[in-house]
């Protein structure tokens, strides 16, 4: 039985897999995702981010990576190994590893 005021998310872990950056809140999708993650963290969830940065083919801005690692409990970058839409095999490899 949950104690009064306890969140259903308290103590739970959530895995967030996204191709869009959450920081600095790049675009509408990133802002919506960040807001959802803020709510879950406020309710006690532990968040692990798996970021598959399709937008950054060459190098992810260091400040954006630092902001994400400062917010999430754990951050993993998945290397982009294919071009265009569709499932990148590197995502499955990372999920297997985790």
Protein backbone atom coordinates (compact mmCIF):
# COMPACT_ATOMS: atom_id res chain seq x y z
CA UNK A 1 0.00 0.00 0.00
CA UNK A 2 1.38 3.41 -0.97
CA UNK A 3 1.97 5.92 1.76
CA UNK A 4 0.10 9.20 1.68
CA UNK A 5 1.76 11.62 -0.72
CA UNK A 6 4.01 8.96 -2.25
CA UNK A 7 4.33 8.98 -6.01
CA UNK A 8 3.71 5.92 -8.14
CA UNK A 9 7.09 6.72 -9.76
CA UNK A 10 9.09 6.88 -6.51
CA UNK A 11 11.98 4.44 -6.72
CA UNK A 12 11.21 3.31 -10.28
CA UNK A 13 13.61 3.50 -13.20
CA UNK A 14 12.69 4.75 -16.66
CA UNK A 15 14.64 4.36 -19.86
CA UNK A 16 14.30 7.28 -22.30
CA UNK A 17 15.34 6.51 -25.90
CA UNK A 18 15.30 9.51 -28.20
CA UNK A 19 16.91 10.87 -31.36
CA UNK A 20 16.26 14.48 -30.29
CA UNK A 21 18.31 16.31 -27.68
CA UNK A 22 16.56 17.31 -24.48
CA UNK A 23 18.97 20.13 -23.76
CA UNK A 24 19.01 22.96 -24.39
CA UNK A 25 15.41 22.03 -25.23
CA UNK A 26 16.04 21.93 -28.94
CA UNK A 27 12.75 22.23 -30.76
CA UNK A 28 9.23 21.38 -29.65
CA UNK A 29 9.86 17.64 -29.36
CA UNK A 30 12.88 18.16 -27.11
CA UNK A 31 10.99 20.60 -24.90
CA UNK A 32 8.02 18.22 -24.51
CA UNK A 33 10.31 15.31 -23.68
CA UNK A 34 12.25 17.38 -21.15
CA UNK A 35 9.04 18.50 -19.45
CA UNK A 36 7.83 14.90 -19.15
CA UNK A 37 11.20 13.88 -17.70
CA UNK A 38 11.06 16.75 -15.20
CA UNK A 39 7.67 15.53 -13.99
CA UNK A 40 8.92 11.95 -13.62
CA UNK A 41 12.05 13.06 -11.74
CA UNK A 42 9.97 15.27 -9.44
CA UNK A 43 7.91 12.19 -8.62
CA UNK A 44 11.01 10.20 -7.70
CA UNK A 45 11.85 8.31 -10.89
CA UNK A 46 15.46 7.52 -11.79
CA UNK A 47 15.99 8.34 -15.48
CA UNK A 48 18.47 6.81 -17.90
CA UNK A 49 18.82 8.56 -21.25
CA UNK A 50 19.77 6.69 -24.40
CA UNK A 51 20.42 9.37 -26.98
CA UNK A 52 20.75 8.38 -30.63
CA UNK A 53 21.81 11.79 -31.99
CA UNK A 54 20.66 11.68 -35.59
CA UNK A 55 20.91 15.48 -35.87
CA UNK A 56 24.62 15.47 -35.02
CA UNK A 57 26.43 13.51 -37.68
CA UNK A 58 29.87 14.84 -36.79
CA UNK A 59 30.08 16.08 -33.21
CA UNK A 60 27.62 16.75 -30.43
CA UNK A 61 28.04 20.18 -28.82
CA UNK A 62 29.85 19.70 -25.49
CA UNK A 63 27.53 22.13 -23.66
CA UNK A 64 24.44 20.16 -24.75
CA UNK A 65 25.97 16.88 -23.62
CA UNK A 66 26.99 18.42 -20.28
CA UNK A 67 23.45 19.72 -19.72
CA UNK A 68 21.96 16.29 -20.41
CA UNK A 69 24.44 14.49 -18.14
CA UNK A 70 23.68 17.02 -15.41
CA UNK A 71 19.94 16.37 -15.61
CA UNK A 72 19.63 12.60 -16.15
CA UNK A 73 20.83 10.01 -13.67
CA UNK A 74 22.68 8.17 -16.42
CA UNK A 75 23.36 9.08 -20.07
CA UNK A 76 24.50 6.87 -22.94
CA UNK A 77 25.16 8.07 -26.47
CA UNK A 78 24.39 5.54 -29.18
CA UNK A 79 26.65 5.94 -32.22
CA UNK A 80 24.77 6.61 -35.45
CA UNK A 81 25.77 3.79 -37.81
CA UNK A 82 23.23 4.21 -40.62
CA UNK A 83 21.82 6.99 -42.77
CA UNK A 84 18.19 7.91 -43.09
CA UNK A 85 15.07 6.69 -41.35
CA UNK A 86 14.68 3.22 -39.98
CA UNK A 87 16.12 1.23 -37.13
CA UNK A 88 19.85 1.61 -36.57
CA UNK A 89 21.35 -1.73 -35.44
CA UNK A 90 23.48 0.21 -32.94
CA UNK A 91 20.31 0.86 -30.91
CA UNK A 92 19.67 -2.84 -30.45
CA UNK A 93 23.31 -3.45 -29.58
CA UNK A 94 23.17 -0.76 -26.88
CA UNK A 95 19.91 -2.13 -25.48
CA UNK A 96 21.42 -5.63 -25.34
CA UNK A 97 24.47 -4.21 -23.54
CA UNK A 98 22.36 -2.41 -20.95
